Amino acid sequence: MAKKAAKKEMTVAEKLDSLYRLQQIDSEIDQIRTIRGELPLEVQDLEDEVEGLDTRMSRIEEEIKMLETEISDRKNANKDAEAAIVKYKDQQNNVRNNREFESISKEIEYQELEIKLNEKRSKEAKANITSKKEVLEEAKSRRDFRAEDLKTKKAELDEIVAETQTQEEKLEKQSSTALKKLDDRLSGAYQRLRDNARNGLAVVPVDRDSCGGCFNKIPPQRQLDIQTEKKVITCEHCGRILVPSEVVEA
């Protein structure tokens, strides 16, 4: 069985040409994503805010229910206390001595204090409910406002994505294919440069005797080396890979 033919080694000129074509593809992808701008982040922030407001509203509603239950429980407790007072007062009419009378009087006093405490706590709970309902209404109002804003932003984003998604996916496939044609060292260097470059430019041409990325002047001898395409040369200032202007015009 014949051995599989070894992959042909690319010349430096071919590597530089491939690198620049890859940069052009990735720059088109960058442009599409720039058109979308900050919309994806804005949509995500709005989704998080709406979700947070929903959680907050649910918590406040649960707190209001707990306070309403507390008021109901205290109302029932007061009914029990009032019934106990009636029972104790009847017992006072049948006491045999002062000691029994005093003991029952203390029980009546205790129940009366319980009633006052329940009324106080119920009043506090009602005031707390009023306050929480005001906060809840504010949260609902803000939630509705932000939800409407989210709907608008999401529609804008969906429209832009619909217009550019097919083109972006096509370019991403082209980028992946072009990147695989390079050796690991060169593809790794290219990706690192793109990650570190503010504008995503890893490969730039020599333009008017200057680096097309940082615009610093390139010495004449170094320009000659770039023109010969005998080796991959990077800018001494920004580290970007330099290609002769002829590659751009080709």
C-alpha atoms as a PDB file:
ATOM      1  CA  MET A   1       0.000   0.000   0.000  1.00  0.00           C
ATOM      2  CA  ALA A   2       1.474   3.339  -1.070  1.00  0.00           C
ATOM      3  CA  LYS A   3       2.285   5.890   1.590  1.00  0.00           C
ATOM      4  CA  LYS A   4       0.166   9.015   1.715  1.00  0.00           C
ATOM      5  CA  ALA A   5       1.925  11.928   0.044  1.00  0.00           C
ATOM      6  CA  ALA A   6       3.374  14.424   2.494  1.00  0.00           C
ATOM      7  CA  LYS A   7       1.716  17.841   2.655  1.00  0.00           C
ATOM      8  CA  LYS A   8       3.567  20.297   0.458  1.00  0.00           C
ATOM      9  CA  GLU A   9       5.522  22.856   2.473  1.00  0.00           C
ATOM     10  CA  MET A  10       4.317  26.399   1.800  1.00  0.00           C
ATOM     11  CA  THR A  11       6.844  29.016   0.795  1.00  0.00           C
ATOM     12  CA  VAL A  12       7.179  32.132   2.945  1.00  0.00           C
ATOM     13  CA  ALA A  13       5.503  34.153   0.194  1.00  0.00           C
ATOM     14  CA  GLU A  14       2.561  31.748   0.192  1.00  0.00           C
ATOM     15  CA  LYS A  15       2.367  31.878   3.972  1.00  0.00           C
ATOM     16  CA  LEU A  16       2.291  35.679   3.941  1.00  0.00           C
ATOM     17  CA  ASP A  17      -0.369  35.673   1.239  1.00  0.00           C
ATOM     18  CA  SER A  18      -2.459  33.155   3.225  1.00  0.00           C
ATOM     19  CA  LEU A  19      -2.028  35.179   6.399  1.00  0.00           C
ATOM     20  CA  TYR A  20      -3.203  38.380   4.764  1.00  0.00           C
ATOM     21  CA  ARG A  21      -6.216  36.657   3.157  1.00  0.00           C
ATOM     22  CA  LEU A  22      -7.082  35.220   6.579  1.00  0.00           C
ATOM     23  CA  GLN A  23      -6.792  38.698   8.094  1.00  0.00           C
ATOM     24  CA  GLN A  24      -9.164  40.072   5.438  1.00  0.00           C
ATOM     25  CA  ILE A  25     -11.757  37.387   6.256  1.00  0.00           C
ATOM     26  CA  ASP A  26     -11.474  37.987  10.008  1.00  0.00           C
ATOM     27  CA  SER A  27     -11.671  41.756   9.504  1.00  0.00           C
ATOM     28  CA  GLU A  28     -14.978  41.271   7.650  1.00  0.00           C
ATOM     29  CA  ILE A  29     -16.255  39.215  10.596  1.00  0.00           C
ATOM     30  CA  ASP A  30     -15.109  41.993  12.956  1.00  0.00           C
ATOM     31  CA  GLN A  31     -16.972  44.552  10.863  1.00  0.00           C
ATOM     32  CA  ILE A  32     -20.205  42.543  11.048  1.00  0.00           C
ATOM     33  CA  ARG A  33     -19.848  42.263  14.827  1.00  0.00           C
ATOM     34  CA  THR A  34     -19.113  45.979  15.067  1.00  0.00           C
ATOM     35  CA  ILE A  35     -22.413  46.666  13.302  1.00  0.00           C
ATOM     36  CA  ARG A  36     -24.132  44.778  16.114  1.00  0.00           C
ATOM     37  CA  GLY A  37     -22.094  46.908  18.494  1.00  0.00           C
ATOM     38  CA  GLU A  38     -23.034  46.743  22.157  1.00  0.00           C
ATOM     39  CA  LEU A  39     -26.539  45.423  21.473  1.00  0.00           C
ATOM     40  CA  PRO A  40     -25.841  41.807  22.588  1.00  0.00           C
ATOM     41  CA  LEU A  41     -24.419  43.089  25.892  1.00  0.00           C
ATOM     42  CA  GLU A  42     -27.312  45.540  26.314  1.00  0.00           C
ATOM     43  CA  VAL A  43     -29.825  42.749  25.697  1.00  0.00           C
ATOM     44  CA  GLN A  44     -28.044  40.484  28.203  1.00  0.00           C
ATOM     45  CA  ASP A  45     -27.946  43.271  30.815  1.00  0.00           C
ATOM     46  CA  LEU A  46     -31.649  43.976  30.329  1.00  0.00           C
ATOM     47  CA  GLU A  47     -32.515  40.265  30.566  1.00  0.00           C
ATOM     48  CA  ASP A  48     -30.538  40.036  33.811  1.00  0.00           C
ATOM     49  CA  GLU A  49     -32.235  43.156  35.194  1.00  0.00           C
ATOM     50  CA  VAL A  50     -35.749  41.939  34.322  1.00  0.00           C
ATOM     51  CA  GLU A  51     -34.979  38.544  35.858  1.00  0.00           C
ATOM     52  CA  GLY A  52     -33.625  40.265  38.972  1.00  0.00           C
ATOM     53  CA  LEU A  53     -36.753  42.417  39.266  1.00  0.00           C
ATOM     54  CA  ASP A  54     -38.968  39.335  38.868  1.00  0.00           C
ATOM     55  CA  THR A  55     -37.082  37.650  41.701  1.00  0.00           C
ATOM     56  CA  ARG A  56     -37.345  40.767  43.869  1.00  0.00           C
ATOM     57  CA  MET A  57     -41.093  41.090  43.211  1.00  0.00           C
ATOM     58  CA  SER A  58     -41.655  37.427  44.092  1.00  0.00           C
ATOM     59  CA  ARG A  59     -39.732  37.888  47.339  1.00  0.00           C
ATOM     60  CA  ILE A  60     -41.729  41.009  48.296  1.00  0.00           C
ATOM     61  CA  GLU A  61     -45.034  39.281  47.495  1.00  0.00           C
ATOM     62  CA  GLU A  62     -43.997  36.355  49.682  1.00  0.00           C
ATOM     63  CA  GLU A  63     -43.082  38.752  52.505  1.00  0.00           C
ATOM     64  CA  ILE A  64     -46.487  40.454  52.196  1.00  0.00           C
ATOM     65  CA  LYS A  65     -48.238  37.060  52.413  1.00  0.00           C
ATOM     66  CA  MET A  66     -46.243  36.231  55.539  1.00  0.00           C
ATOM     67  CA  LEU A  67     -47.246  39.547  57.139  1.00  0.00           C
ATOM     68  CA  GLU A  68     -50.898  39.003  56.218  1.00  0.00           C
ATOM     69  CA  THR A  69     -50.716  35.537  57.787  1.00  0.00           C
ATOM     70  CA  GLU A  70     -49.180  37.079  60.903  1.00  0.00           C
ATOM     71  CA  ILE A  71     -52.032  39.611  61.148  1.00  0.00           C
ATOM     72  CA  SER A  72     -54.614  36.832  60.737  1.00  0.00           C
ATOM     73  CA  ASP A  73     -52.883  34.682  63.374  1.00  0.00           C
ATOM     74  CA  ARG A  74     -52.769  37.589  65.836  1.00  0.00           C
ATOM     75  CA  LYS A  75     -56.456  38.334  65.194  1.00  0.00           C
ATOM     76  CA  ASN A  76     -57.320  34.726  66.011  1.00  0.00           C
ATOM     77  CA  ALA A  77     -55.038  34.856  69.063  1.00  0.00           C
ATOM     78  CA  ASN A  78     -56.935  37.923  70.292  1.00  0.00           C
ATOM     79  CA  LYS A  79     -60.253  36.089  69.928  1.00  0.00           C
ATOM     80  CA  ASP A  80     -58.846  33.268  72.036  1.00  0.00           C
ATOM     81  CA  ALA A  81     -57.547  35.788  74.589  1.00  0.00           C
ATOM     82  CA  GLU A  82     -60.936  37.556  74.770  1.00  0.00           C
ATOM     83  CA  ALA A  83     -62.677  34.213  75.272  1.00  0.00           C
ATOM     84  CA  ALA A  84     -60.189  33.373  78.028  1.00  0.00           C
ATOM     85  CA  ILE A  85     -60.859  36.702  79.766  1.00  0.00           C
ATOM     86  CA  VAL A  86     -64.608  36.003  79.766  1.00  0.00           C
ATOM     87  CA  LYS A  87     -63.940  32.546  81.250  1.00  0.00           C
ATOM     88  CA  TYR A  88     -61.593  33.933  83.927  1.00  0.00           C
ATOM     89  CA  LYS A  89     -64.059  36.661  84.918  1.00  0.00           C
ATOM     90  CA  ASP A  90     -66.746  34.018  85.399  1.00  0.00           C
ATOM     91  CA  GLN A  91     -64.343  32.073  87.578  1.00  0.00           C
ATOM     92  CA  GLN A  92     -63.691  35.165  89.707  1.00  0.00           C
ATOM     93  CA  ASN A  93     -67.329  35.136  90.725  1.00  0.00           C
ATOM     94  CA  ASN A  94     -66.868  31.733  92.282  1.00  0.00           C
ATOM     95  CA  VAL A  95     -63.488  32.102  94.057  1.00  0.00           C
ATOM     96  CA  ARG A  96     -63.135  30.895  97.643  1.00  0.00           C
ATOM     97  CA  ASN A  97     -60.369  33.245  98.756  1.00  0.00           C
ATOM     98  CA  ASN A  98     -58.253  36.252  97.842  1.00  0.00           C
ATOM     99  CA  ARG A  99     -55.383  34.079  96.660  1.00  0.00           C
ATOM    100  CA  GLU A 100     -57.520  32.484  93.933  1.00  0.00           C
ATOM    101  CA  PHE A 101     -58.912  35.885  93.023  1.00  0.00           C
ATOM    102  CA  GLU A 102     -55.407  37.377  92.600  1.00  0.00           C
ATOM    103  CA  SER A 103     -54.251  34.394  90.569  1.00  0.00           C
ATOM    104  CA  ILE A 104     -57.156  34.732  88.144  1.00  0.00           C
ATOM    105  CA  SER A 105     -56.665  38.511  87.989  1.00  0.00           C
ATOM    106  CA  LYS A 106     -53.084  37.953  86.858  1.00  0.00           C
ATOM    107  CA  GLU A 107     -54.293  35.583  84.137  1.00  0.00           C
ATOM    108  CA  ILE A 108     -56.779  38.234  82.955  1.00  0.00           C
ATOM    109  CA  GLU A 109     -54.045  40.882  83.025  1.00  0.00           C
ATOM    110  CA  TYR A 110     -51.748  38.600  81.029  1.00  0.00           C
ATOM    111  CA  GLN A 111     -54.425  38.016  78.352  1.00  0.00           C
ATOM    112  CA  GLU A 112     -55.134  41.759  78.149  1.00  0.00           C
ATOM    113  CA  LEU A 113     -51.399  42.434  77.630  1.00  0.00           C
ATOM    114  CA  GLU A 114     -51.341  39.762  74.914  1.00  0.00           C
ATOM    115  CA  ILE A 115     -54.241  41.502  73.173  1.00  0.00           C
ATOM    116  CA  LYS A 116     -52.448  44.862  73.302  1.00  0.00           C
ATOM    117  CA  LEU A 117     -49.212  43.295  72.023  1.00  0.00           C
ATOM    118  CA  ASN A 118     -51.041  41.568  69.152  1.00  0.00           C
ATOM    119  CA  GLU A 119     -52.774  44.812  68.230  1.00  0.00           C
ATOM    120  CA  LYS A 120     -49.433  46.644  68.262  1.00  0.00           C
ATOM    121  CA  ARG A 121     -47.698  43.990  66.161  1.00  0.00           C
ATOM    122  CA  SER A 122     -50.647  43.851  63.757  1.00  0.00           C
ATOM    123  CA  LYS A 123     -50.507  47.618  63.320  1.00  0.00           C
ATOM    124  CA  GLU A 124     -46.759  47.404  62.607  1.00  0.00           C
ATOM    125  CA  ALA A 125     -47.354  44.561  60.129  1.00  0.00           C
ATOM    126  CA  LYS A 126     -50.053  46.582  58.323  1.00  0.00           C
ATOM    127  CA  ALA A 127     -47.679  49.570  58.036  1.00  0.00           C
ATOM    128  CA  ASN A 128     -44.977  47.199  56.775  1.00  0.00           C
ATOM    129  CA  ILE A 129     -47.400  45.793  54.173  1.00  0.00           C
ATOM    130  CA  THR A 130     -48.239  49.308  52.970  1.00  0.00           C
ATOM    131  CA  SER A 131     -44.530  50.099  52.627  1.00  0.00           C
ATOM    132  CA  LYS A 132     -43.779  46.836  50.819  1.00  0.00           C
ATOM    133  CA  LYS A 133     -46.706  47.333  48.434  1.00  0.00           C
ATOM    134  CA  GLU A 134     -45.278  50.736  47.485  1.00  0.00           C
ATOM    135  CA  VAL A 135     -41.865  49.143  46.812  1.00  0.00           C
ATOM    136  CA  LEU A 136     -43.603  46.353  44.866  1.00  0.00           C
ATOM    137  CA  GLU A 137     -45.437  48.854  42.662  1.00  0.00           C
ATOM    138  CA  GLU A 138     -42.189  50.681  41.951  1.00  0.00           C
ATOM    139  CA  ALA A 139     -40.508  47.377  41.057  1.00  0.00           C
ATOM    140  CA  LYS A 140     -43.433  46.410  38.812  1.00  0.00           C
ATOM    141  CA  SER A 141     -43.315  49.770  37.070  1.00  0.00           C
ATOM    142  CA  ARG A 142     -39.572  49.502  36.510  1.00  0.00           C
ATOM    143  CA  ARG A 143     -39.904  45.874  35.406  1.00  0.00           C
ATOM    144  CA  ASP A 144     -42.557  46.801  32.808  1.00  0.00           C
ATOM    145  CA  PHE A 145     -40.405  49.678  31.558  1.00  0.00           C
ATOM    146  CA  ARG A 146     -37.251  47.564  31.279  1.00  0.00           C
ATOM    147  CA  ALA A 147     -39.183  44.662  29.704  1.00  0.00           C
ATOM    148  CA  GLU A 148     -40.443  47.014  26.991  1.00  0.00           C
ATOM    149  CA  ASP A 149     -36.914  48.305  26.481  1.00  0.00           C
ATOM    150  CA  LEU A 150     -35.689  44.703  26.266  1.00  0.00           C
ATOM    151  CA  LYS A 151     -38.334  43.899  23.655  1.00  0.00           C
ATOM    152  CA  THR A 152     -37.185  46.835  21.513  1.00  0.00           C
ATOM    153  CA  LYS A 153     -33.469  46.053  21.856  1.00  0.00           C
ATOM    154  CA  LYS A 154     -34.039  42.366  21.183  1.00  0.00           C
ATOM    155  CA  ALA A 155     -36.004  43.170  18.036  1.00  0.00           C
ATOM    156  CA  GLU A 156     -33.146  45.399  16.848  1.00  0.00           C
ATOM    157  CA  LEU A 157     -30.605  42.674  17.549  1.00  0.00           C
ATOM    158  CA  ASP A 158     -32.709  39.960  15.890  1.00  0.00           C
ATOM    159  CA  GLU A 159     -33.061  42.137  12.799  1.00  0.00           C
ATOM    160  CA  ILE A 160     -29.315  42.750  12.560  1.00  0.00           C
ATOM    161  CA  VAL A 161     -28.509  39.082  13.204  1.00  0.00           C
ATOM    162  CA  ALA A 162     -31.010  38.009  10.541  1.00  0.00           C
ATOM    163  CA  GLU A 163     -29.325  40.312   8.038  1.00  0.00           C
ATOM    164  CA  THR A 164     -25.761  39.244   8.858  1.00  0.00           C
ATOM    165  CA  GLN A 165     -25.901  35.726  10.287  1.00  0.00           C
ATOM    166  CA  THR A 166     -25.598  33.859   6.985  1.00  0.00           C
ATOM    167  CA  GLN A 167     -22.670  35.994   5.877  1.00  0.00           C
ATOM    168  CA  GLU A 168     -20.984  35.695   9.265  1.00  0.00           C
ATOM    169  CA  GLU A 169     -21.327  31.898   9.328  1.00  0.00           C
ATOM    170  CA  LYS A 170     -19.906  31.694   5.798  1.00  0.00           C
ATOM    171  CA  LEU A 171     -16.928  33.874   6.745  1.00  0.00           C
ATOM    172  CA  GLU A 172     -16.334  31.917   9.963  1.00  0.00           C
ATOM    173  CA  LYS A 173     -16.062  28.693   7.933  1.00  0.00           C
ATOM    174  CA  GLN A 174     -13.654  30.390   5.507  1.00  0.00           C
ATOM    175  CA  SER A 175     -11.590  31.667   8.451  1.00  0.00           C
ATOM    176  CA  SER A 176     -11.429  28.222  10.043  1.00  0.00           C
ATOM    177  CA  THR A 177     -10.368  26.623   6.755  1.00  0.00           C
ATOM    178  CA  ALA A 178      -7.727  29.295   6.089  1.00  0.00           C
ATOM    179  CA  LEU A 179      -6.343  28.979   9.632  1.00  0.00           C
ATOM    180  CA  LYS A 180      -5.939  25.206   9.282  1.00  0.00           C
ATOM    181  CA  LYS A 181      -3.746  25.693   6.205  1.00  0.00           C
ATOM    182  CA  LEU A 182      -1.111  27.390   8.372  1.00  0.00           C
ATOM    183  CA  ASP A 183       1.330  25.513  10.567  1.00  0.00           C
ATOM    184  CA  ASP A 184       0.654  25.475  14.315  1.00  0.00           C
ATOM    185  CA  ARG A 185       3.385  28.007  15.149  1.00  0.00           C
ATOM    186  CA  LEU A 186       2.158  30.570  12.628  1.00  0.00           C
ATOM    187  CA  SER A 187      -1.543  30.080  13.368  1.00  0.00           C
ATOM    188  CA  GLY A 188      -0.849  30.374  17.115  1.00  0.00           C
ATOM    189  CA  ALA A 189       1.131  33.594  16.604  1.00  0.00           C
ATOM    190  CA  TYR A 190      -1.645  35.008  14.415  1.00  0.00           C
ATOM    191  CA  GLN A 191      -4.349  34.278  16.985  1.00  0.00           C
ATOM    192  CA  ARG A 192      -2.290  35.758  19.842  1.00  0.00           C
ATOM    193  CA  LEU A 193      -1.683  38.928  17.846  1.00  0.00           C
ATOM    194  CA  ARG A 194      -5.394  39.256  17.037  1.00  0.00           C
ATOM    195  CA  ASP A 195      -6.343  38.756  20.672  1.00  0.00           C
ATOM    196  CA  ASN A 196      -3.907  41.456  21.807  1.00  0.00           C
ATOM    197  CA  ALA A 197      -4.590  43.980  19.032  1.00  0.00           C
ATOM    198  CA  ARG A 198      -7.299  46.524  19.853  1.00  0.00           C
ATOM    199  CA  ASN A 199      -8.563  46.540  16.249  1.00  0.00           C
ATOM    200  CA  GLY A 200      -7.988  42.824  15.635  1.00  0.00           C
ATOM    201  CA  LEU A 201      -5.262  43.435  13.063  1.00  0.00           C
ATOM    202  CA  ALA A 202      -2.500  40.843  13.256  1.00  0.00           C
ATOM    203  CA  VAL A 203      -1.267  41.126   9.651  1.00  0.00           C
ATOM    204  CA  VAL A 204      -0.792  44.554   8.091  1.00  0.00           C
ATOM    205  CA  PRO A 205       0.835  45.939   4.937  1.00  0.00           C
ATOM    206  CA  VAL A 206       3.659  48.436   4.705  1.00  0.00           C
ATOM    207  CA  ASP A 207       1.990  51.721   3.849  1.00  0.00           C
ATOM    208  CA  ARG A 208       4.022  54.844   3.027  1.00  0.00           C
ATOM    209  CA  ASP A 209       7.144  53.369   4.600  1.00  0.00           C
ATOM    210  CA  SER A 210       5.224  52.725   7.849  1.00  0.00           C
ATOM    211  CA  CYS A 211       3.576  49.833   9.677  1.00  0.00           C
ATOM    212  CA  GLY A 212      -0.078  49.625   8.696  1.00  0.00           C
ATOM    213  CA  GLY A 213      -0.966  48.835  12.301  1.00  0.00           C
ATOM    214  CA  CYS A 214       0.893  51.252  14.553  1.00  0.00           C
ATOM    215  CA  PHE A 215       2.098  53.663  11.786  1.00  0.00           C
ATOM    216  CA  ASN A 216       5.673  53.737  13.026  1.00  0.00           C
ATOM    217  CA  LYS A 217       8.341  54.201  10.360  1.00  0.00           C
ATOM    218  CA  ILE A 218      10.056  51.070   9.053  1.00  0.00           C
ATOM    219  CA  PRO A 219      13.812  51.321   8.234  1.00  0.00           C
ATOM    220  CA  PRO A 220      14.627  51.041   4.477  1.00  0.00           C
ATOM    221  CA  GLN A 221      16.670  47.832   4.876  1.00  0.00           C
ATOM    222  CA  ARG A 222      13.813  46.173   6.761  1.00  0.00           C
ATOM    223  CA  GLN A 223      11.417  47.247   4.010  1.00  0.00           C
ATOM    224  CA  LEU A 224      13.649  45.502   1.469  1.00  0.00           C
ATOM    225  CA  ASP A 225      13.563  42.331   3.580  1.00  0.00           C
ATOM    226  CA  ILE A 226       9.762  42.524   3.676  1.00  0.00           C
ATOM    227  CA  GLN A 227       9.627  42.973  -0.112  1.00  0.00           C
ATOM    228  CA  THR A 228      11.699  39.840  -0.755  1.00  0.00           C
ATOM    229  CA  GLU A 229       9.260  37.676   1.270  1.00  0.00           C
ATOM    230  CA  LYS A 230      12.077  35.349   2.326  1.00  0.00           C
ATOM    231  CA  LYS A 231      11.000  35.280   5.977  1.00  0.00           C
ATOM    232  CA  VAL A 232       8.128  36.379   8.192  1.00  0.00           C
ATOM    233  CA  ILE A 233       8.948  39.824   9.583  1.00  0.00           C
ATOM    234  CA  THR A 234       7.147  41.575  12.403  1.00  0.00           C
ATOM    235  CA  CYS A 235       6.949  45.243  13.349  1.00  0.00           C
ATOM    236  CA  GLU A 236       9.596  46.184  15.909  1.00  0.00           C
ATOM    237  CA  HIS A 237       7.078  48.419  17.692  1.00  0.00           C
ATOM    238  CA  CYS A 238       3.733  46.546  17.761  1.00  0.00           C
ATOM    239  CA  GLY A 239       4.733  42.988  16.831  1.00  0.00           C
ATOM    240  CA  ARG A 240       2.264  42.707  13.928  1.00  0.00           C
ATOM    241  CA  ILE A 241       3.202  40.589  10.928  1.00  0.00           C
ATOM    242  CA  LEU A 242       4.197  42.809   7.993  1.00  0.00           C
ATOM    243  CA  VAL A 243       3.442  42.093   4.345  1.00  0.00           C
ATOM    244  CA  PRO A 244       4.491  44.068   1.257  1.00  0.00           C
ATOM    245  CA  SER A 245       1.894  46.312  -0.322  1.00  0.00           C
ATOM    246  CA  GLU A 246       1.964  44.091  -3.454  1.00  0.00           C
ATOM    247  CA  VAL A 247       0.211  41.347  -1.456  1.00  0.00           C
ATOM    248  CA  VAL A 248      -2.629  43.750  -0.695  1.00  0.00           C
ATOM    249  CA  GLU A 249      -2.969  44.837  -4.303  1.00  0.00           C
ATOM    250  CA  ALA A 250      -2.864  41.273  -5.669  1.00  0.00           C
END
